């Protein structure tokens, strides 16, 4: 198969029509920033990078990819060690979820938070501090790793309790948290 330049790739115009030009990246330098994650796996090559700002944008991107028979990969903070954000195959579309970063609701009684996948772990912990809580899954990359990446990889670390790993219940992550210990 002959390599198609990004500018000539027919999916680019369809993505721009679906979500707007400001959310579609095609510059080769920018695409190079999304060639992998923190894993030691061989890096890939993104065909196009989309930066959605809403759930509807994500749905539109996935629809375009499906209609065009194009693979896509979701990406959070790019801190993963499992290779989940590495674009594999014939230049898939990378969906960068970093702008989906809202904490939607906190339920201290039920001890869960509804968040978008781009919420950074440390930001959630800071959001919970006034309530006397701490977000338990706390990877060493807490300043950059996202809740979506934690969910995608069932990530946690030694300071998180074995039962506190985040679980996915819908588009919005149902994130467990525990009461903070007094300093």
C-alpha atoms as a PDB file:
ATOM      1  CA  UNK A   1       0.000   0.000   0.000  1.00  0.00           C
ATOM      2  CA  UNK A   2       1.397   3.410  -0.969  1.00  0.00           C
ATOM      3  CA  UNK A   3       1.846   5.838   1.872  1.00  0.00           C
ATOM      4  CA  UNK A   4      -0.739   8.606   1.869  1.00  0.00           C
ATOM      5  CA  UNK A   5       0.417  12.003   3.073  1.00  0.00           C
ATOM      6  CA  UNK A   6      -1.587  13.410   5.947  1.00  0.00           C
ATOM      7  CA  UNK A   7      -2.841  16.333   3.836  1.00  0.00           C
ATOM      8  CA  UNK A   8      -4.146  13.930   1.175  1.00  0.00           C
ATOM      9  CA  UNK A   9      -5.685  11.498   3.654  1.00  0.00           C
ATOM     10  CA  UNK A  10      -9.463  11.586   2.997  1.00  0.00           C
ATOM     11  CA  UNK A  11     -10.292  11.017   6.666  1.00  0.00           C
ATOM     12  CA  UNK A  12      -8.862  14.436   7.585  1.00  0.00           C
ATOM     13  CA  UNK A  13     -11.617  16.408   5.832  1.00  0.00           C
ATOM     14  CA  UNK A  14     -14.282  14.135   7.325  1.00  0.00           C
ATOM     15  CA  UNK A  15     -12.906  14.629  10.850  1.00  0.00           C
ATOM     16  CA  UNK A  16     -12.696  18.401  10.322  1.00  0.00           C
ATOM     17  CA  UNK A  17     -16.326  18.422   9.156  1.00  0.00           C
ATOM     18  CA  UNK A  18     -17.356  16.355  12.182  1.00  0.00           C
ATOM     19  CA  UNK A  19     -15.542  18.195  15.017  1.00  0.00           C
ATOM     20  CA  UNK A  20     -13.970  21.356  13.570  1.00  0.00           C
ATOM     21  CA  UNK A  21     -10.481  22.206  12.301  1.00  0.00           C
ATOM     22  CA  UNK A  22      -9.211  23.415  15.687  1.00  0.00           C
ATOM     23  CA  UNK A  23      -9.590  19.888  17.081  1.00  0.00           C
ATOM     24  CA  UNK A  24      -7.773  18.022  14.269  1.00  0.00           C
ATOM     25  CA  UNK A  25      -3.973  17.888  14.168  1.00  0.00           C
ATOM     26  CA  UNK A  26      -2.096  16.920  11.009  1.00  0.00           C
ATOM     27  CA  UNK A  27       1.280  18.620  11.327  1.00  0.00           C
ATOM     28  CA  UNK A  28       4.024  15.965  11.231  1.00  0.00           C
ATOM     29  CA  UNK A  29       5.784  17.497  14.251  1.00  0.00           C
ATOM     30  CA  UNK A  30       2.582  17.392  16.302  1.00  0.00           C
ATOM     31  CA  UNK A  31       1.836  13.851  15.129  1.00  0.00           C
ATOM     32  CA  UNK A  32       5.296  12.813  16.283  1.00  0.00           C
ATOM     33  CA  UNK A  33       4.379  13.773  19.840  1.00  0.00           C
ATOM     34  CA  UNK A  34       1.731  11.025  19.820  1.00  0.00           C
ATOM     35  CA  UNK A  35       3.882   8.151  18.516  1.00  0.00           C
ATOM     36  CA  UNK A  36       3.887   6.265  21.806  1.00  0.00           C
ATOM     37  CA  UNK A  37       3.613   6.347  25.565  1.00  0.00           C
ATOM     38  CA  UNK A  38       6.062   5.767  28.426  1.00  0.00           C
ATOM     39  CA  UNK A  39       6.376   2.062  27.624  1.00  0.00           C
ATOM     40  CA  UNK A  40       9.432   0.489  26.034  1.00  0.00           C
ATOM     41  CA  UNK A  41       7.394  -0.879  23.146  1.00  0.00           C
ATOM     42  CA  UNK A  42       8.263   0.051  19.585  1.00  0.00           C
ATOM     43  CA  UNK A  43       6.710   3.414  18.768  1.00  0.00           C
ATOM     44  CA  UNK A  44       3.983   3.750  16.165  1.00  0.00           C
ATOM     45  CA  UNK A  45       2.840   6.505  13.840  1.00  0.00           C
ATOM     46  CA  UNK A  46      -0.324   8.511  14.260  1.00  0.00           C
ATOM     47  CA  UNK A  47      -2.170   9.238  11.029  1.00  0.00           C
ATOM     48  CA  UNK A  48      -4.198  12.091  12.519  1.00  0.00           C
ATOM     49  CA  UNK A  49      -4.633  13.336  16.088  1.00  0.00           C
ATOM     50  CA  UNK A  50      -8.031  14.525  17.278  1.00  0.00           C
ATOM     51  CA  UNK A  51      -8.429  16.534  20.480  1.00  0.00           C
ATOM     52  CA  UNK A  52     -12.112  16.325  21.437  1.00  0.00           C
ATOM     53  CA  UNK A  53     -13.652  18.641  24.003  1.00  0.00           C
ATOM     54  CA  UNK A  54     -16.905  16.756  24.537  1.00  0.00           C
ATOM     55  CA  UNK A  55     -18.426  13.335  24.604  1.00  0.00           C
ATOM     56  CA  UNK A  56     -20.225  14.176  21.344  1.00  0.00           C
ATOM     57  CA  UNK A  57     -16.852  14.918  19.703  1.00  0.00           C
ATOM     58  CA  UNK A  58     -15.548  11.500  20.730  1.00  0.00           C
ATOM     59  CA  UNK A  59     -18.658   9.803  19.327  1.00  0.00           C
ATOM     60  CA  UNK A  60     -18.297  11.739  16.055  1.00  0.00           C
ATOM     61  CA  UNK A  61     -14.618  10.767  15.721  1.00  0.00           C
ATOM     62  CA  UNK A  62     -15.387   7.091  16.331  1.00  0.00           C
ATOM     63  CA  UNK A  63     -18.246   7.226  13.785  1.00  0.00           C
ATOM     64  CA  UNK A  64     -15.942   8.716  11.133  1.00  0.00           C
ATOM     65  CA  UNK A  65     -13.279   6.095  11.865  1.00  0.00           C
ATOM     66  CA  UNK A  66     -15.845   3.286  11.648  1.00  0.00           C
ATOM     67  CA  UNK A  67     -17.319   4.656   8.405  1.00  0.00           C
ATOM     68  CA  UNK A  68     -13.824   4.875   6.905  1.00  0.00           C
ATOM     69  CA  UNK A  69     -12.651   1.502   8.244  1.00  0.00           C
ATOM     70  CA  UNK A  70      -9.875   3.290  10.110  1.00  0.00           C
ATOM     71  CA  UNK A  71      -8.384   2.122  13.394  1.00  0.00           C
ATOM     72  CA  UNK A  72      -8.234   4.528  16.336  1.00  0.00           C
ATOM     73  CA  UNK A  73      -6.564   4.575  19.733  1.00  0.00           C
ATOM     74  CA  UNK A  74      -7.541   6.586  22.807  1.00  0.00           C
ATOM     75  CA  UNK A  75      -4.762   8.433  24.627  1.00  0.00           C
ATOM     76  CA  UNK A  76      -4.693  10.080  28.021  1.00  0.00           C
ATOM     77  CA  UNK A  77      -1.536  11.500  29.566  1.00  0.00           C
ATOM     78  CA  UNK A  78       0.811   9.203  27.638  1.00  0.00           C
ATOM     79  CA  UNK A  79       2.363   7.966  30.889  1.00  0.00           C
ATOM     80  CA  UNK A  80       1.270   4.342  30.526  1.00  0.00           C
ATOM     81  CA  UNK A  81       3.775   1.522  30.682  1.00  0.00           C
ATOM     82  CA  UNK A  82       1.572  -1.087  28.998  1.00  0.00           C
ATOM     83  CA  UNK A  83       1.709   0.303  25.443  1.00  0.00           C
ATOM     84  CA  UNK A  84      -2.020   0.994  25.339  1.00  0.00           C
ATOM     85  CA  UNK A  85      -1.608   4.428  23.730  1.00  0.00           C
ATOM     86  CA  UNK A  86       0.866   3.331  21.044  1.00  0.00           C
ATOM     87  CA  UNK A  87      -0.748   3.799  17.610  1.00  0.00           C
ATOM     88  CA  UNK A  88      -0.347   0.430  15.876  1.00  0.00           C
ATOM     89  CA  UNK A  89      -0.978  -0.510  12.281  1.00  0.00           C
ATOM     90  CA  UNK A  90      -1.520   1.750   9.312  1.00  0.00           C
ATOM     91  CA  UNK A  91      -1.415   5.223  10.919  1.00  0.00           C
ATOM     92  CA  UNK A  92      -4.539   5.103  13.086  1.00  0.00           C
ATOM     93  CA  UNK A  93      -6.391   8.120  14.395  1.00  0.00           C
ATOM     94  CA  UNK A  94      -5.261   9.057  17.905  1.00  0.00           C
ATOM     95  CA  UNK A  95      -8.031  10.432  20.118  1.00  0.00           C
ATOM     96  CA  UNK A  96      -6.267  12.590  22.726  1.00  0.00           C
ATOM     97  CA  UNK A  97      -8.622  12.801  25.713  1.00  0.00           C
ATOM     98  CA  UNK A  98      -6.651  15.394  27.696  1.00  0.00           C
ATOM     99  CA  UNK A  99      -9.234  18.168  27.234  1.00  0.00           C
ATOM    100  CA  UNK A 100     -11.996  16.030  28.754  1.00  0.00           C
ATOM    101  CA  UNK A 101     -10.852  17.013  32.216  1.00  0.00           C
ATOM    102  CA  UNK A 102     -13.897  17.906  34.302  1.00  0.00           C
ATOM    103  CA  UNK A 103     -14.821  16.555  37.705  1.00  0.00           C
ATOM    104  CA  UNK A 104     -18.580  16.266  37.237  1.00  0.00           C
ATOM    105  CA  UNK A 105     -19.795  15.118  40.629  1.00  0.00           C
ATOM    106  CA  UNK A 106     -18.402  13.985  43.978  1.00  0.00           C
ATOM    107  CA  UNK A 107     -20.477  11.755  46.266  1.00  0.00           C
ATOM    108  CA  UNK A 108     -18.721  11.603  49.623  1.00  0.00           C
ATOM    109  CA  UNK A 109     -21.414   9.312  51.092  1.00  0.00           C
ATOM    110  CA  UNK A 110     -20.967   6.725  48.349  1.00  0.00           C
ATOM    111  CA  UNK A 111     -17.256   7.526  48.037  1.00  0.00           C
ATOM    112  CA  UNK A 112     -17.161   7.938  44.289  1.00  0.00           C
ATOM    113  CA  UNK A 113     -16.605  10.684  41.769  1.00  0.00           C
ATOM    114  CA  UNK A 114     -17.964  11.033  38.240  1.00  0.00           C
ATOM    115  CA  UNK A 115     -15.130  12.390  36.122  1.00  0.00           C
ATOM    116  CA  UNK A 116     -14.135  12.686  32.493  1.00  0.00           C
ATOM    117  CA  UNK A 117     -11.216  10.506  31.346  1.00  0.00           C
ATOM    118  CA  UNK A 118      -8.707  13.361  31.042  1.00  0.00           C
ATOM    119  CA  UNK A 119      -8.810  14.293  34.731  1.00  0.00           C
ATOM    120  CA  UNK A 120      -5.281  14.069  36.116  1.00  0.00           C
ATOM    121  CA  UNK A 121      -4.976  11.935  39.270  1.00  0.00           C
ATOM    122  CA  UNK A 122      -3.412  14.694  41.345  1.00  0.00           C
ATOM    123  CA  UNK A 123      -6.145  17.137  40.273  1.00  0.00           C
ATOM    124  CA  UNK A 124      -8.792  14.731  41.556  1.00  0.00           C
ATOM    125  CA  UNK A 125      -6.948  14.372  44.866  1.00  0.00           C
ATOM    126  CA  UNK A 126      -6.781  18.161  45.176  1.00  0.00           C
ATOM    127  CA  UNK A 127     -10.490  18.387  44.360  1.00  0.00           C
ATOM    128  CA  UNK A 128     -11.264  15.896  47.152  1.00  0.00           C
ATOM    129  CA  UNK A 129      -9.048  17.476  49.856  1.00  0.00           C
ATOM    130  CA  UNK A 130     -11.715  19.943  51.117  1.00  0.00           C
ATOM    131  CA  UNK A 131     -13.986  16.957  51.782  1.00  0.00           C
ATOM    132  CA  UNK A 132     -11.257  15.150  53.759  1.00  0.00           C
ATOM    133  CA  UNK A 133     -10.732  12.516  51.055  1.00  0.00           C
ATOM    134  CA  UNK A 134      -7.858  11.311  48.883  1.00  0.00           C
ATOM    135  CA  UNK A 135      -7.991   9.543  45.517  1.00  0.00           C
ATOM    136  CA  UNK A 136      -6.435   6.169  46.346  1.00  0.00           C
ATOM    137  CA  UNK A 137      -5.048   4.862  43.014  1.00  0.00           C
ATOM    138  CA  UNK A 138      -1.961   7.010  43.003  1.00  0.00           C
ATOM    139  CA  UNK A 139       0.618   5.970  40.386  1.00  0.00           C
ATOM    140  CA  UNK A 140       4.087   7.431  40.613  1.00  0.00           C
ATOM    141  CA  UNK A 141       3.164   9.624  37.642  1.00  0.00           C
ATOM    142  CA  UNK A 142       0.210  11.150  39.516  1.00  0.00           C
ATOM    143  CA  UNK A 143       1.013  14.638  38.212  1.00  0.00           C
ATOM    144  CA  UNK A 144       0.514  13.511  34.608  1.00  0.00           C
ATOM    145  CA  UNK A 145      -1.444  10.250  34.528  1.00  0.00           C
ATOM    146  CA  UNK A 146      -5.170  10.406  33.945  1.00  0.00           C
ATOM    147  CA  UNK A 147      -8.189   8.639  35.373  1.00  0.00           C
ATOM    148  CA  UNK A 148      -9.032   7.312  31.898  1.00  0.00           C
ATOM    149  CA  UNK A 149      -5.608   5.693  31.668  1.00  0.00           C
ATOM    150  CA  UNK A 150      -5.992   4.202  35.147  1.00  0.00           C
ATOM    151  CA  UNK A 151      -9.314   2.685  34.117  1.00  0.00           C
ATOM    152  CA  UNK A 152      -8.010   1.444  30.764  1.00  0.00           C
ATOM    153  CA  UNK A 153      -5.073  -0.320  32.419  1.00  0.00           C
ATOM    154  CA  UNK A 154      -6.549  -1.078  35.854  1.00  0.00           C
ATOM    155  CA  UNK A 155      -3.600   0.912  37.171  1.00  0.00           C
ATOM    156  CA  UNK A 156      -2.673   1.555  40.773  1.00  0.00           C
ATOM    157  CA  UNK A 157       0.453   1.191  42.831  1.00  0.00           C
ATOM    158  CA  UNK A 158       1.730  -0.006  46.210  1.00  0.00           C
ATOM    159  CA  UNK A 159       0.185   2.882  48.167  1.00  0.00           C
ATOM    160  CA  UNK A 160      -3.271   2.127  46.771  1.00  0.00           C
ATOM    161  CA  UNK A 161      -5.309  -0.554  48.464  1.00  0.00           C
ATOM    162  CA  UNK A 162      -5.880  -3.636  46.277  1.00  0.00           C
ATOM    163  CA  UNK A 163      -9.604  -2.895  46.165  1.00  0.00           C
ATOM    164  CA  UNK A 164      -9.242   0.794  45.302  1.00  0.00           C
ATOM    165  CA  UNK A 165      -8.311   0.419  41.641  1.00  0.00           C
ATOM    166  CA  UNK A 166     -10.697   2.420  39.480  1.00  0.00           C
ATOM    167  CA  UNK A 167     -13.446   0.585  37.651  1.00  0.00           C
ATOM    168  CA  UNK A 168     -15.326   1.662  34.564  1.00  0.00           C
ATOM    169  CA  UNK A 169     -19.091   1.830  34.847  1.00  0.00           C
ATOM    170  CA  UNK A 170     -19.917   4.210  32.006  1.00  0.00           C
ATOM    171  CA  UNK A 171     -18.317   6.947  29.884  1.00  0.00           C
ATOM    172  CA  UNK A 172     -17.643   8.805  33.108  1.00  0.00           C
ATOM    173  CA  UNK A 173     -15.268   6.952  35.398  1.00  0.00           C
ATOM    174  CA  UNK A 174     -16.610   5.724  38.736  1.00  0.00           C
ATOM    175  CA  UNK A 175     -13.525   6.416  40.799  1.00  0.00           C
ATOM    176  CA  UNK A 176     -13.148   5.022  44.301  1.00  0.00           C
ATOM    177  CA  UNK A 177     -11.533   7.137  46.975  1.00  0.00           C
ATOM    178  CA  UNK A 178     -10.831   6.897  50.689  1.00  0.00           C
ATOM    179  CA  UNK A 179     -10.799   9.291  53.620  1.00  0.00           C
ATOM    180  CA  UNK A 180      -7.429  11.009  53.924  1.00  0.00           C
ATOM    181  CA  UNK A 181      -5.282  10.181  56.919  1.00  0.00           C
ATOM    182  CA  UNK A 182      -4.669  13.102  59.280  1.00  0.00           C
ATOM    183  CA  UNK A 183      -1.206  14.634  58.825  1.00  0.00           C
END
